[in-house]
């Protein structure tokens, strides 16, 4: 049985670009931490928010929902969202649900 890895979030802000790097597991218990981190960077009015998912080891449906909500919110509020594509197995939920086709994924973080 795998040992759960708590969610770690690193924040980097450079001018009008915010980057959040997620490590560990994003699930119903840890989504509120992501919501708080996003709120903190949005309070600084970035034009681009990049969320790096490459180090996520697990993602459940509540995490998926959060990214869908953030994509809609970015469009409504006029900032850009960029999601750095996770590695399997975290990528599988995006593929199975076909959400990958509608979310702003990139293979490398924007510079």
PDB file of N, CA and C in Angstrom:
ATOM      1  N   UNK A   1       0.842  -1.182   0.000  1.00  0.00           N
ATOM      2  CA  UNK A   1       0.000   0.000   0.000  1.00  0.00           C
ATOM      3  C   UNK A   1       0.885   1.244   0.000  1.00  0.00           C
ATOM      4  N   UNK A   2       0.593   2.177  -0.890  1.00  0.00           N
ATOM      5  CA  UNK A   2       1.386   3.402  -1.013  1.00  0.00           C
ATOM      6  C   UNK A   2       1.100   4.342   0.160  1.00  0.00           C
ATOM      7  N   UNK A   3       2.109   5.042   0.547  1.00  0.00           N
ATOM      8  CA  UNK A   3       1.969   6.022   1.617  1.00  0.00           C
ATOM      9  C   UNK A   3       1.541   7.347   1.011  1.00  0.00           C
ATOM     10  N   UNK A   4       0.499   7.944   1.579  1.00  0.00           N
ATOM     11  CA  UNK A   4      -0.002   9.224   1.084  1.00  0.00           C
ATOM     12  C   UNK A   4       1.043  10.309   1.287  1.00  0.00           C
ATOM     13  N   UNK A   5       1.207  11.135   0.263  1.00  0.00           N
ATOM     14  CA  UNK A   5       2.119  12.274   0.350  1.00  0.00           C
ATOM     15  C   UNK A   5       1.287  13.530   0.493  1.00  0.00           C
ATOM     16  N   UNK A   6       1.476  14.270   1.575  1.00  0.00           N
ATOM     17  CA  UNK A   6       0.693  15.498   1.738  1.00  0.00           C
ATOM     18  C   UNK A   6       1.008  16.479   0.613  1.00  0.00           C
ATOM     19  N   UNK A   7       0.071  17.369   0.368  1.00  0.00           N
ATOM     20  CA  UNK A   7       0.255  18.366  -0.681  1.00  0.00           C
ATOM     21  C   UNK A   7       1.216  19.451  -0.219  1.00  0.00           C
ATOM     22  N   UNK A   8       2.184  19.725  -1.058  1.00  0.00           N
ATOM     23  CA  UNK A   8       3.101  20.842  -0.841  1.00  0.00           C
ATOM     24  C   UNK A   8       2.900  21.812  -1.997  1.00  0.00           C
ATOM     25  N   UNK A   9       2.898  23.109  -1.681  1.00  0.00           N
ATOM     26  CA  UNK A   9       2.704  24.137  -2.703  1.00  0.00           C
ATOM     27  C   UNK A   9       3.807  25.174  -2.563  1.00  0.00           C
ATOM     28  N   UNK A  10       4.561  25.346  -3.630  1.00  0.00           N
ATOM     29  CA  UNK A  10       5.570  26.403  -3.678  1.00  0.00           C
ATOM     30  C   UNK A  10       5.032  27.517  -4.546  1.00  0.00           C
ATOM     31  N   UNK A  11       5.214  28.738  -4.089  1.00  0.00           N
ATOM     32  CA  UNK A  11       4.720  29.907  -4.813  1.00  0.00           C
ATOM     33  C   UNK A  11       5.899  30.750  -5.281  1.00  0.00           C
ATOM     34  N   UNK A  12       5.818  31.195  -6.532  1.00  0.00           N
ATOM     35  CA  UNK A  12       6.831  32.095  -7.081  1.00  0.00           C
ATOM     36  C   UNK A  12       6.101  33.189  -7.848  1.00  0.00           C
ATOM     37  N   UNK A  13       6.484  34.417  -7.609  1.00  0.00           N
ATOM     38  CA  UNK A  13       5.848  35.542  -8.290  1.00  0.00           C
ATOM     39  C   UNK A  13       6.931  36.367  -8.958  1.00  0.00           C
ATOM     40  N   UNK A  14       6.760  36.625 -10.248  1.00  0.00           N
ATOM     41  CA  UNK A  14       7.737  37.399 -11.006  1.00  0.00           C
ATOM     42  C   UNK A  14       6.972  38.396 -11.875  1.00  0.00           C
ATOM     43  N   UNK A  15       6.919  39.634 -11.436  1.00  0.00           N
ATOM     44  CA  UNK A  15       6.189  40.653 -12.177  1.00  0.00           C
ATOM     45  C   UNK A  15       4.710  40.339 -12.186  1.00  0.00           C
ATOM     46  N   UNK A  16       4.168  40.109 -13.375  1.00  0.00           N
ATOM     47  CA  UNK A  16       2.740  39.824 -13.490  1.00  0.00           C
ATOM     48  C   UNK A  16       2.471  38.328 -13.695  1.00  0.00           C
ATOM     49  N   UNK A  17       3.474  37.493 -13.417  1.00  0.00           N
ATOM     50  CA  UNK A  17       3.347  36.052 -13.597  1.00  0.00           C
ATOM     51  C   UNK A  17       3.498  35.346 -12.250  1.00  0.00           C
ATOM     52  N   UNK A  18       2.489  34.555 -11.921  1.00  0.00           N
ATOM     53  CA  UNK A  18       2.525  33.757 -10.687  1.00  0.00           C
ATOM     54  C   UNK A  18       2.670  32.292 -11.069  1.00  0.00           C
ATOM     55  N   UNK A  19       3.485  31.575 -10.296  1.00  0.00           N
ATOM     56  CA  UNK A  19       3.636  30.143 -10.530  1.00  0.00           C
ATOM     57  C   UNK A  19       3.447  29.403  -9.214  1.00  0.00           C
ATOM     58  N   UNK A  20       2.573  28.410  -9.254  1.00  0.00           N
ATOM     59  CA  UNK A  20       2.380  27.511  -8.127  1.00  0.00           C
ATOM     60  C   UNK A  20       2.863  26.137  -8.561  1.00  0.00           C
ATOM     61  N   UNK A  21       3.736  25.547  -7.770  1.00  0.00           N
ATOM     62  CA  UNK A  21       4.225  24.204  -8.049  1.00  0.00           C
ATOM     63  C   UNK A  21       3.649  23.272  -7.000  1.00  0.00           C
ATOM     64  N   UNK A  22       2.924  22.250  -7.452  1.00  0.00           N
ATOM     65  CA  UNK A  22       2.263  21.315  -6.550  1.00  0.00           C
ATOM     66  C   UNK A  22       3.047  20.006  -6.505  1.00  0.00           C
ATOM     67  N   UNK A  23       3.198  19.486  -5.284  1.00  0.00           N
ATOM     68  CA  UNK A  23       3.840  18.192  -5.083  1.00  0.00           C
ATOM     69  C   UNK A  23       2.992  17.383  -4.113  1.00  0.00           C
ATOM     70  N   UNK A  24       2.865  16.093  -4.389  1.00  0.00           N
ATOM     71  CA  UNK A  24       2.108  15.226  -3.493  1.00  0.00           C
ATOM     72  C   UNK A  24       0.739  14.920  -4.045  1.00  0.00           C
ATOM     73  N   UNK A  25      -0.255  14.898  -3.153  1.00  0.00           N
ATOM     74  CA  UNK A  25      -1.604  14.476  -3.528  1.00  0.00           C
ATOM     75  C   UNK A  25      -2.599  15.625  -3.422  1.00  0.00           C
ATOM     76  N   UNK A  26      -3.382  15.799  -4.484  1.00  0.00           N
ATOM     77  CA  UNK A  26      -4.445  16.798  -4.501  1.00  0.00           C
ATOM     78  C   UNK A  26      -5.766  16.051  -4.467  1.00  0.00           C
ATOM     79  N   UNK A  27      -6.450  16.156  -3.339  1.00  0.00           N
ATOM     80  CA  UNK A  27      -7.705  15.438  -3.158  1.00  0.00           C
ATOM     81  C   UNK A  27      -8.663  16.297  -2.339  1.00  0.00           C
ATOM     82  N   UNK A  28      -9.769  15.714  -1.963  1.00  0.00           N
ATOM     83  CA  UNK A  28     -10.805  16.476  -1.254  1.00  0.00           C
ATOM     84  C   UNK A  28     -10.263  17.123   0.027  1.00  0.00           C
ATOM     85  N   UNK A  29      -9.284  16.509   0.648  1.00  0.00           N
ATOM     86  CA  UNK A  29      -8.719  17.053   1.887  1.00  0.00           C
ATOM     87  C   UNK A  29      -7.733  18.188   1.637  1.00  0.00           C
ATOM     88  N   UNK A  30      -7.107  18.215   0.454  1.00  0.00           N
ATOM     89  CA  UNK A  30      -6.054  19.212   0.208  1.00  0.00           C
ATOM     90  C   UNK A  30      -6.457  20.313  -0.777  1.00  0.00           C
ATOM     91  N   UNK A  31      -7.579  20.154  -1.472  1.00  0.00           N
ATOM     92  CA  UNK A  31      -8.041  21.197  -2.396  1.00  0.00           C
ATOM     93  C   UNK A  31      -8.166  22.563  -1.710  1.00  0.00           C
ATOM     94  N   UNK A  32      -8.651  22.644  -0.460  1.00  0.00           N
ATOM     95  CA  UNK A  32      -8.722  23.965   0.181  1.00  0.00           C
ATOM     96  C   UNK A  32      -7.363  24.669   0.278  1.00  0.00           C
ATOM     97  N   UNK A  33      -6.287  23.923   0.403  1.00  0.00           N
ATOM     98  CA  UNK A  33      -4.946  24.541   0.419  1.00  0.00           C
ATOM     99  C   UNK A  33      -4.615  25.157  -0.935  1.00  0.00           C
ATOM    100  N   UNK A  34      -5.003  24.480  -2.009  1.00  0.00           N
ATOM    101  CA  UNK A  34      -4.798  25.042  -3.343  1.00  0.00           C
ATOM    102  C   UNK A  34      -5.646  26.289  -3.524  1.00  0.00           C
ATOM    103  N   UNK A  35      -6.893  26.242  -3.089  1.00  0.00           N
ATOM    104  CA  UNK A  35      -7.771  27.405  -3.202  1.00  0.00           C
ATOM    105  C   UNK A  35      -7.173  28.614  -2.477  1.00  0.00           C
ATOM    106  N   UNK A  36      -6.611  28.394  -1.293  1.00  0.00           N
ATOM    107  CA  UNK A  36      -5.975  29.484  -0.535  1.00  0.00           C
ATOM    108  C   UNK A  36      -4.761  30.025  -1.266  1.00  0.00           C
ATOM    109  N   UNK A  37      -3.954  29.145  -1.828  1.00  0.00           N
ATOM    110  CA  UNK A  37      -2.757  29.579  -2.550  1.00  0.00           C
ATOM    111  C   UNK A  37      -3.129  30.383  -3.792  1.00  0.00           C
ATOM    112  N   UNK A  38      -4.147  29.943  -4.515  1.00  0.00           N
ATOM    113  CA  UNK A  38      -4.602  30.665  -5.706  1.00  0.00           C
ATOM    114  C   UNK A  38      -5.150  32.033  -5.301  1.00  0.00           C
ATOM    115  N   UNK A  39      -5.936  32.083  -4.235  1.00  0.00           N
ATOM    116  CA  UNK A  39      -6.479  33.364  -3.769  1.00  0.00           C
ATOM    117  C   UNK A  39      -5.348  34.331  -3.414  1.00  0.00           C
ATOM    118  N   UNK A  40      -4.298  33.811  -2.797  1.00  0.00           N
ATOM    119  CA  UNK A  40      -3.164  34.661  -2.416  1.00  0.00           C
ATOM    120  C   UNK A  40      -2.455  35.238  -3.637  1.00  0.00           C
ATOM    121  N   UNK A  41      -2.254  34.433  -4.679  1.00  0.00           N
ATOM    122  CA  UNK A  41      -1.578  34.976  -5.863  1.00  0.00           C
ATOM    123  C   UNK A  41      -2.501  35.890  -6.656  1.00  0.00           C
ATOM    124  N   UNK A  42      -3.795  35.571  -6.705  1.00  0.00           N
ATOM    125  CA  UNK A  42      -4.722  36.443  -7.438  1.00  0.00           C
ATOM    126  C   UNK A  42      -4.880  37.800  -6.767  1.00  0.00           C
ATOM    127  N   UNK A  43      -4.663  37.867  -5.472  1.00  0.00           N
ATOM    128  CA  UNK A  43      -4.725  39.146  -4.760  1.00  0.00           C
ATOM    129  C   UNK A  43      -3.645  40.110  -5.265  1.00  0.00           C
ATOM    130  N   UNK A  44      -2.623  39.578  -5.926  1.00  0.00           N
ATOM    131  CA  UNK A  44      -1.538  40.405  -6.471  1.00  0.00           C
ATOM    132  C   UNK A  44      -1.765  40.752  -7.941  1.00  0.00           C
ATOM    133  N   UNK A  45      -2.927  40.410  -8.476  1.00  0.00           N
ATOM    134  CA  UNK A  45      -3.360  40.752  -9.838  1.00  0.00           C
ATOM    135  C   UNK A  45      -2.397  40.315 -10.941  1.00  0.00           C
ATOM    136  N   UNK A  46      -2.048  39.043 -10.989  1.00  0.00           N
ATOM    137  CA  UNK A  46      -1.186  38.592 -12.087  1.00  0.00           C
ATOM    138  C   UNK A  46      -1.972  38.520 -13.400  1.00  0.00           C
ATOM    139  N   UNK A  47      -1.260  38.590 -14.507  1.00  0.00           N
ATOM    140  CA  UNK A  47      -1.915  38.392 -15.797  1.00  0.00           C
ATOM    141  C   UNK A  47      -1.900  36.915 -16.175  1.00  0.00           C
ATOM    142  N   UNK A  48      -0.957  36.158 -15.612  1.00  0.00           N
ATOM    143  CA  UNK A  48      -0.821  34.730 -15.889  1.00  0.00           C
ATOM    144  C   UNK A  48      -0.579  33.984 -14.584  1.00  0.00           C
ATOM    145  N   UNK A  49      -1.337  32.916 -14.389  1.00  0.00           N
ATOM    146  CA  UNK A  49      -1.108  32.003 -13.266  1.00  0.00           C
ATOM    147  C   UNK A  49      -0.794  30.639 -13.866  1.00  0.00           C
ATOM    148  N   UNK A  50       0.413  30.156 -13.589  1.00  0.00           N
ATOM    149  CA  UNK A  50       0.830  28.839 -14.042  1.00  0.00           C
ATOM    150  C   UNK A  50       0.809  27.903 -12.847  1.00  0.00           C
ATOM    151  N   UNK A  51       0.168  26.762 -13.015  1.00  0.00           N
ATOM    152  CA  UNK A  51       0.157  25.748 -11.969  1.00  0.00           C
ATOM    153  C   UNK A  51       0.882  24.529 -12.527  1.00  0.00           C
ATOM    154  N   UNK A  52       2.020  24.234 -11.917  1.00  0.00           N
ATOM    155  CA  UNK A  52       2.876  23.141 -12.368  1.00  0.00           C
ATOM    156  C   UNK A  52       2.438  21.855 -11.667  1.00  0.00           C
ATOM    157  N   UNK A  53       1.931  20.912 -12.443  1.00  0.00           N
ATOM    158  CA  UNK A  53       1.383  19.668 -11.910  1.00  0.00           C
ATOM    159  C   UNK A  53       2.326  18.480 -12.092  1.00  0.00           C
ATOM    160  N   UNK A  54       3.531  18.718 -12.573  1.00  0.00           N
ATOM    161  CA  UNK A  54       4.437  17.609 -12.898  1.00  0.00           C
ATOM    162  C   UNK A  54       4.790  16.738 -11.697  1.00  0.00           C
ATOM    163  N   UNK A  55       4.735  17.282 -10.492  1.00  0.00           N
ATOM    164  CA  UNK A  55       5.121  16.503  -9.311  1.00  0.00           C
ATOM    165  C   UNK A  55       3.925  16.010  -8.502  1.00  0.00           C
ATOM    166  N   UNK A  56       2.730  16.084  -9.081  1.00  0.00           N
ATOM    167  CA  UNK A  56       1.571  15.507  -8.405  1.00  0.00           C
ATOM    168  C   UNK A  56       1.635  13.989  -8.523  1.00  0.00           C
ATOM    169  N   UNK A  57       1.444  13.310  -7.404  1.00  0.00           N
ATOM    170  CA  UNK A  57       1.438  11.851  -7.436  1.00  0.00           C
ATOM    171  C   UNK A  57       0.020  11.302  -7.505  1.00  0.00           C
ATOM    172  N   UNK A  58      -0.981  12.142  -7.178  1.00  0.00           N
ATOM    173  CA  UNK A  58      -2.371  11.696  -7.173  1.00  0.00           C
ATOM    174  C   UNK A  58      -3.278  12.903  -7.332  1.00  0.00           C
ATOM    175  N   UNK A  59      -4.387  12.684  -8.017  1.00  0.00           N
ATOM    176  CA  UNK A  59      -5.392  13.725  -8.215  1.00  0.00           C
ATOM    177  C   UNK A  59      -6.747  13.038  -8.239  1.00  0.00           C
ATOM    178  N   UNK A  60      -7.686  13.520  -7.419  1.00  0.00           N
ATOM    179  CA  UNK A  60      -9.031  12.937  -7.452  1.00  0.00           C
ATOM    180  C   UNK A  60      -9.995  13.898  -8.140  1.00  0.00           C
ATOM    181  N   UNK A  61     -11.276  13.546  -8.142  1.00  0.00           N
ATOM    182  CA  UNK A  61     -12.269  14.342  -8.858  1.00  0.00           C
ATOM    183  C   UNK A  61     -12.428  15.744  -8.277  1.00  0.00           C
ATOM    184  N   UNK A  62     -12.187  15.927  -6.992  1.00  0.00           N
ATOM    185  CA  UNK A  62     -12.287  17.274  -6.415  1.00  0.00           C
ATOM    186  C   UNK A  62     -11.153  18.162  -6.931  1.00  0.00           C
ATOM    187  N   UNK A  63      -9.985  17.588  -7.137  1.00  0.00           N
ATOM    188  CA  UNK A  63      -8.885  18.339  -7.743  1.00  0.00           C
ATOM    189  C   UNK A  63      -9.184  18.686  -9.188  1.00  0.00           C
ATOM    190  N   UNK A  64      -9.724  17.727  -9.921  1.00  0.00           N
ATOM    191  CA  UNK A  64     -10.130  17.968 -11.304  1.00  0.00           C
ATOM    192  C   UNK A  64     -11.138  19.111 -11.373  1.00  0.00           C
ATOM    193  N   UNK A  65     -12.123  19.059 -10.510  1.00  0.00           N
ATOM    194  CA  UNK A  65     -13.151  20.100 -10.481  1.00  0.00           C
ATOM    195  C   UNK A  65     -12.524  21.470 -10.231  1.00  0.00           C
ATOM    196  N   UNK A  66     -11.551  21.539  -9.339  1.00  0.00           N
ATOM    197  CA  UNK A  66     -10.908  22.817  -9.025  1.00  0.00           C
ATOM    198  C   UNK A  66     -10.247  23.417 -10.263  1.00  0.00           C
ATOM    199  N   UNK A  67      -9.605  22.604 -11.074  1.00  0.00           N
ATOM    200  CA  UNK A  67      -8.961  23.131 -12.283  1.00  0.00           C
ATOM    201  C   UNK A  67      -9.990  23.592 -13.307  1.00  0.00           C
ATOM    202  N   UNK A  68     -11.112  22.912 -13.396  1.00  0.00           N
ATOM    203  CA  UNK A  68     -12.185  23.342 -14.299  1.00  0.00           C
ATOM    204  C   UNK A  68     -12.742  24.684 -13.824  1.00  0.00           C
ATOM    205  N   UNK A  69     -12.971  24.815 -12.530  1.00  0.00           N
ATOM    206  CA  UNK A  69     -13.462  26.077 -11.956  1.00  0.00           C
ATOM    207  C   UNK A  69     -12.459  27.201 -12.205  1.00  0.00           C
ATOM    208  N   UNK A  70     -11.168  26.921 -12.010  1.00  0.00           N
ATOM    209  CA  UNK A  70     -10.145  27.955 -12.227  1.00  0.00           C
ATOM    210  C   UNK A  70     -10.081  28.381 -13.688  1.00  0.00           C
ATOM    211  N   UNK A  71     -10.223  27.443 -14.611  1.00  0.00           N
ATOM    212  CA  UNK A  71     -10.205  27.797 -16.042  1.00  0.00           C
ATOM    213  C   UNK A  71     -11.380  28.707 -16.376  1.00  0.00           C
ATOM    214  N   UNK A  72     -12.550  28.379 -15.854  1.00  0.00           N
ATOM    215  CA  UNK A  72     -13.727  29.233 -16.081  1.00  0.00           C
ATOM    216  C   UNK A  72     -13.542  30.600 -15.441  1.00  0.00           C
ATOM    217  N   UNK A  73     -13.018  30.609 -14.247  1.00  0.00           N
ATOM    218  CA  UNK A  73     -12.805  31.865 -13.526  1.00  0.00           C
ATOM    219  C   UNK A  73     -11.800  32.760 -14.263  1.00  0.00           C
ATOM    220  N   UNK A  74     -10.731  32.170 -14.769  1.00  0.00           N
ATOM    221  CA  UNK A  74      -9.728  32.949 -15.496  1.00  0.00           C
ATOM    222  C   UNK A  74     -10.364  33.640 -16.705  1.00  0.00           C
ATOM    223  N   UNK A  75     -11.180  32.892 -17.421  1.00  0.00           N
ATOM    224  CA  UNK A  75     -11.840  33.460 -18.592  1.00  0.00           C
ATOM    225  C   UNK A  75     -12.772  34.609 -18.193  1.00  0.00           C
ATOM    226  N   UNK A  76     -13.527  34.430 -17.127  1.00  0.00           N
ATOM    227  CA  UNK A  76     -14.467  35.449 -16.665  1.00  0.00           C
ATOM    228  C   UNK A  76     -13.768  36.691 -16.117  1.00  0.00           C
ATOM    229  N   UNK A  77     -12.636  36.500 -15.439  1.00  0.00           N
ATOM    230  CA  UNK A  77     -11.969  37.604 -14.746  1.00  0.00           C
ATOM    231  C   UNK A  77     -10.837  38.241 -15.548  1.00  0.00           C
ATOM    232  N   UNK A  78     -10.481  37.658 -16.694  1.00  0.00           N
ATOM    233  CA  UNK A  78      -9.507  38.294 -17.568  1.00  0.00           C
ATOM    234  C   UNK A  78      -8.048  38.019 -17.250  1.00  0.00           C
ATOM    235  N   UNK A  79      -7.737  36.946 -16.574  1.00  0.00           N
ATOM    236  CA  UNK A  79      -6.346  36.516 -16.400  1.00  0.00           C
ATOM    237  C   UNK A  79      -6.192  35.165 -17.089  1.00  0.00           C
ATOM    238  N   UNK A  80      -4.952  34.789 -17.363  1.00  0.00           N
ATOM    239  CA  UNK A  80      -4.695  33.528 -18.062  1.00  0.00           C
ATOM    240  C   UNK A  80      -4.276  32.447 -17.082  1.00  0.00           C
ATOM    241  N   UNK A  81      -4.730  31.251 -17.327  1.00  0.00           N
ATOM    242  CA  UNK A  81      -4.342  30.082 -16.550  1.00  0.00           C
ATOM    243  C   UNK A  81      -3.572  29.149 -17.464  1.00  0.00           C
ATOM    244  N   UNK A  82      -2.481  28.620 -16.946  1.00  0.00           N
ATOM    245  CA  UNK A  82      -1.675  27.654 -17.675  1.00  0.00           C
ATOM    246  C   UNK A  82      -1.404  26.486 -16.725  1.00  0.00           C
ATOM    247  N   UNK A  83      -1.710  25.279 -17.160  1.00  0.00           N
ATOM    248  CA  UNK A  83      -1.475  24.082 -16.354  1.00  0.00           C
ATOM    249  C   UNK A  83      -0.362  23.267 -16.999  1.00  0.00           C
ATOM    250  N   UNK A  84       0.716  23.036 -16.249  1.00  0.00           N
ATOM    251  CA  UNK A  84       1.797  22.211 -16.768  1.00  0.00           C
ATOM    252  C   UNK A  84       1.370  20.756 -16.582  1.00  0.00           C
ATOM    253  N   UNK A  85       1.320  20.049 -17.679  1.00  0.00           N
ATOM    254  CA  UNK A  85       0.786  18.685 -17.737  1.00  0.00           C
ATOM    255  C   UNK A  85       1.450  17.769 -16.701  1.00  0.00           C
ATOM    256  N   UNK A  86       0.615  17.048 -15.915  1.00  0.00           N
ATOM    257  CA  UNK A  86       1.178  16.120 -14.938  1.00  0.00           C
ATOM    258  C   UNK A  86       1.645  14.831 -15.606  1.00  0.00           C
ATOM    259  N   UNK A  87       2.422  14.091 -14.859  1.00  0.00           N
ATOM    260  CA  UNK A  87       2.838  12.764 -15.309  1.00  0.00           C
ATOM    261  C   UNK A  87       1.778  11.752 -14.899  1.00  0.00           C
ATOM    262  N   UNK A  88       1.760  10.592 -15.550  1.00  0.00           N
ATOM    263  CA  UNK A  88       0.868   9.541 -15.072  1.00  0.00           C
ATOM    264  C   UNK A  88       1.278   9.183 -13.639  1.00  0.00           C
ATOM    265  N   UNK A  89       0.429   8.809 -12.753  1.00  0.00           N
ATOM    266  CA  UNK A  89      -0.976   8.521 -12.947  1.00  0.00           C
ATOM    267  C   UNK A  89      -1.893   9.735 -12.792  1.00  0.00           C
ATOM    268  N   UNK A  90      -1.374  10.880 -12.351  1.00  0.00           N
ATOM    269  CA  UNK A  90      -2.235  12.052 -12.151  1.00  0.00           C
ATOM    270  C   UNK A  90      -2.875  12.515 -13.454  1.00  0.00           C
ATOM    271  N   UNK A  91      -2.213  12.297 -14.571  1.00  0.00           N
ATOM    272  CA  UNK A  91      -2.752  12.716 -15.865  1.00  0.00           C
ATOM    273  C   UNK A  91      -3.988  11.904 -16.261  1.00  0.00           C
ATOM    274  N   UNK A  92      -4.086  10.689 -15.771  1.00  0.00           N
ATOM    275  CA  UNK A  92      -5.150   9.791 -16.237  1.00  0.00           C
ATOM    276  C   UNK A  92      -6.559  10.333 -15.981  1.00  0.00           C
ATOM    277  N   UNK A  93      -6.793  11.012 -14.871  1.00  0.00           N
ATOM    278  CA  UNK A  93      -8.139  11.544 -14.606  1.00  0.00           C
ATOM    279  C   UNK A  93      -8.525  12.605 -15.636  1.00  0.00           C
ATOM    280  N   UNK A  94      -7.551  13.388 -16.094  1.00  0.00           N
ATOM    281  CA  UNK A  94      -7.825  14.386 -17.131  1.00  0.00           C
ATOM    282  C   UNK A  94      -8.142  13.705 -18.459  1.00  0.00           C
ATOM    283  N   UNK A  95      -7.453  12.595 -18.736  1.00  0.00           N
ATOM    284  CA  UNK A  95      -7.666  11.886 -19.998  1.00  0.00           C
ATOM    285  C   UNK A  95      -8.979  11.109 -19.992  1.00  0.00           C
ATOM    286  N   UNK A  96      -9.252  10.394 -18.918  1.00  0.00           N
ATOM    287  CA  UNK A  96     -10.465   9.577 -18.825  1.00  0.00           C
ATOM    288  C   UNK A  96     -11.719  10.440 -18.943  1.00  0.00           C
ATOM    289  N   UNK A  97     -11.693  11.614 -18.307  1.00  0.00           N
ATOM    290  CA  UNK A  97     -12.861  12.506 -18.322  1.00  0.00           C
ATOM    291  C   UNK A  97     -12.888  13.414 -19.548  1.00  0.00           C
ATOM    292  N   UNK A  98     -11.821  13.372 -20.336  1.00  0.00           N
ATOM    293  CA  UNK A  98     -11.646  14.229 -21.509  1.00  0.00           C
ATOM    294  C   UNK A  98     -11.496  15.705 -21.149  1.00  0.00           C
ATOM    295  N   UNK A  99     -11.273  15.983 -19.883  1.00  0.00           N
ATOM    296  CA  UNK A  99     -11.048  17.364 -19.454  1.00  0.00           C
ATOM    297  C   UNK A  99      -9.740  17.903 -20.041  1.00  0.00           C
ATOM    298  N   UNK A 100      -8.817  17.009 -20.333  1.00  0.00           N
ATOM    299  CA  UNK A 100      -7.535  17.418 -20.907  1.00  0.00           C
ATOM    300  C   UNK A 100      -7.742  18.227 -22.190  1.00  0.00           C
ATOM    301  N   UNK A 101      -8.784  17.902 -22.939  1.00  0.00           N
ATOM    302  CA  UNK A 101      -9.060  18.580 -24.207  1.00  0.00           C
ATOM    303  C   UNK A 101      -9.532  20.022 -24.014  1.00  0.00           C
ATOM    304  N   UNK A 102     -10.043  20.338 -22.820  1.00  0.00           N
ATOM    305  CA  UNK A 102     -10.652  21.650 -22.588  1.00  0.00           C
ATOM    306  C   UNK A 102      -9.910  22.524 -21.582  1.00  0.00           C
ATOM    307  N   UNK A 103      -8.858  22.009 -21.010  1.00  0.00           N
ATOM    308  CA  UNK A 103      -8.087  22.791 -20.044  1.00  0.00           C
ATOM    309  C   UNK A 103      -6.809  23.304 -20.708  1.00  0.00           C
ATOM    310  N   UNK A 104      -6.281  24.426 -20.219  1.00  0.00           N
ATOM    311  CA  UNK A 104      -5.119  25.056 -20.856  1.00  0.00           C
ATOM    312  C   UNK A 104      -3.786  24.408 -20.475  1.00  0.00           C
ATOM    313  N   UNK A 105      -3.572  23.168 -20.979  1.00  0.00           N
ATOM    314  CA  UNK A 105      -2.350  22.440 -20.666  1.00  0.00           C
ATOM    315  C   UNK A 105      -1.193  22.876 -21.541  1.00  0.00           C
ATOM    316  N   UNK A 106      -0.008  22.869 -20.959  1.00  0.00           N
ATOM    317  CA  UNK A 106       1.240  23.062 -21.668  1.00  0.00           C
ATOM    318  C   UNK A 106       2.194  21.969 -21.181  1.00  0.00           C
ATOM    319  N   UNK A 107       3.210  21.651 -21.983  1.00  0.00           N
ATOM    320  CA  UNK A 107       4.167  20.629 -21.579  1.00  0.00           C
ATOM    321  C   UNK A 107       5.300  21.201 -20.757  1.00  0.00           C
ATOM    322  N   UNK A 108       5.578  22.463 -20.923  1.00  0.00           N
ATOM    323  CA  UNK A 108       6.640  23.146 -20.172  1.00  0.00           C
ATOM    324  C   UNK A 108       6.083  24.448 -19.624  1.00  0.00           C
ATOM    325  N   UNK A 109       6.571  24.887 -18.446  1.00  0.00           N
ATOM    326  CA  UNK A 109       6.082  26.152 -17.894  1.00  0.00           C
ATOM    327  C   UNK A 109       6.453  27.317 -18.814  1.00  0.00           C
ATOM    328  N   UNK A 110       5.536  28.279 -18.986  1.00  0.00           N
ATOM    329  CA  UNK A 110       5.861  29.489 -19.751  1.00  0.00           C
ATOM    330  C   UNK A 110       6.987  30.254 -19.063  1.00  0.00           C
ATOM    331  N   UNK A 111       7.772  30.904 -19.836  1.00  0.00           N
ATOM    332  CA  UNK A 111       8.905  31.672 -19.263  1.00  0.00           C
ATOM    333  C   UNK A 111       8.581  33.130 -19.210  1.00  0.00           C
TER     334      UNK A 111
END
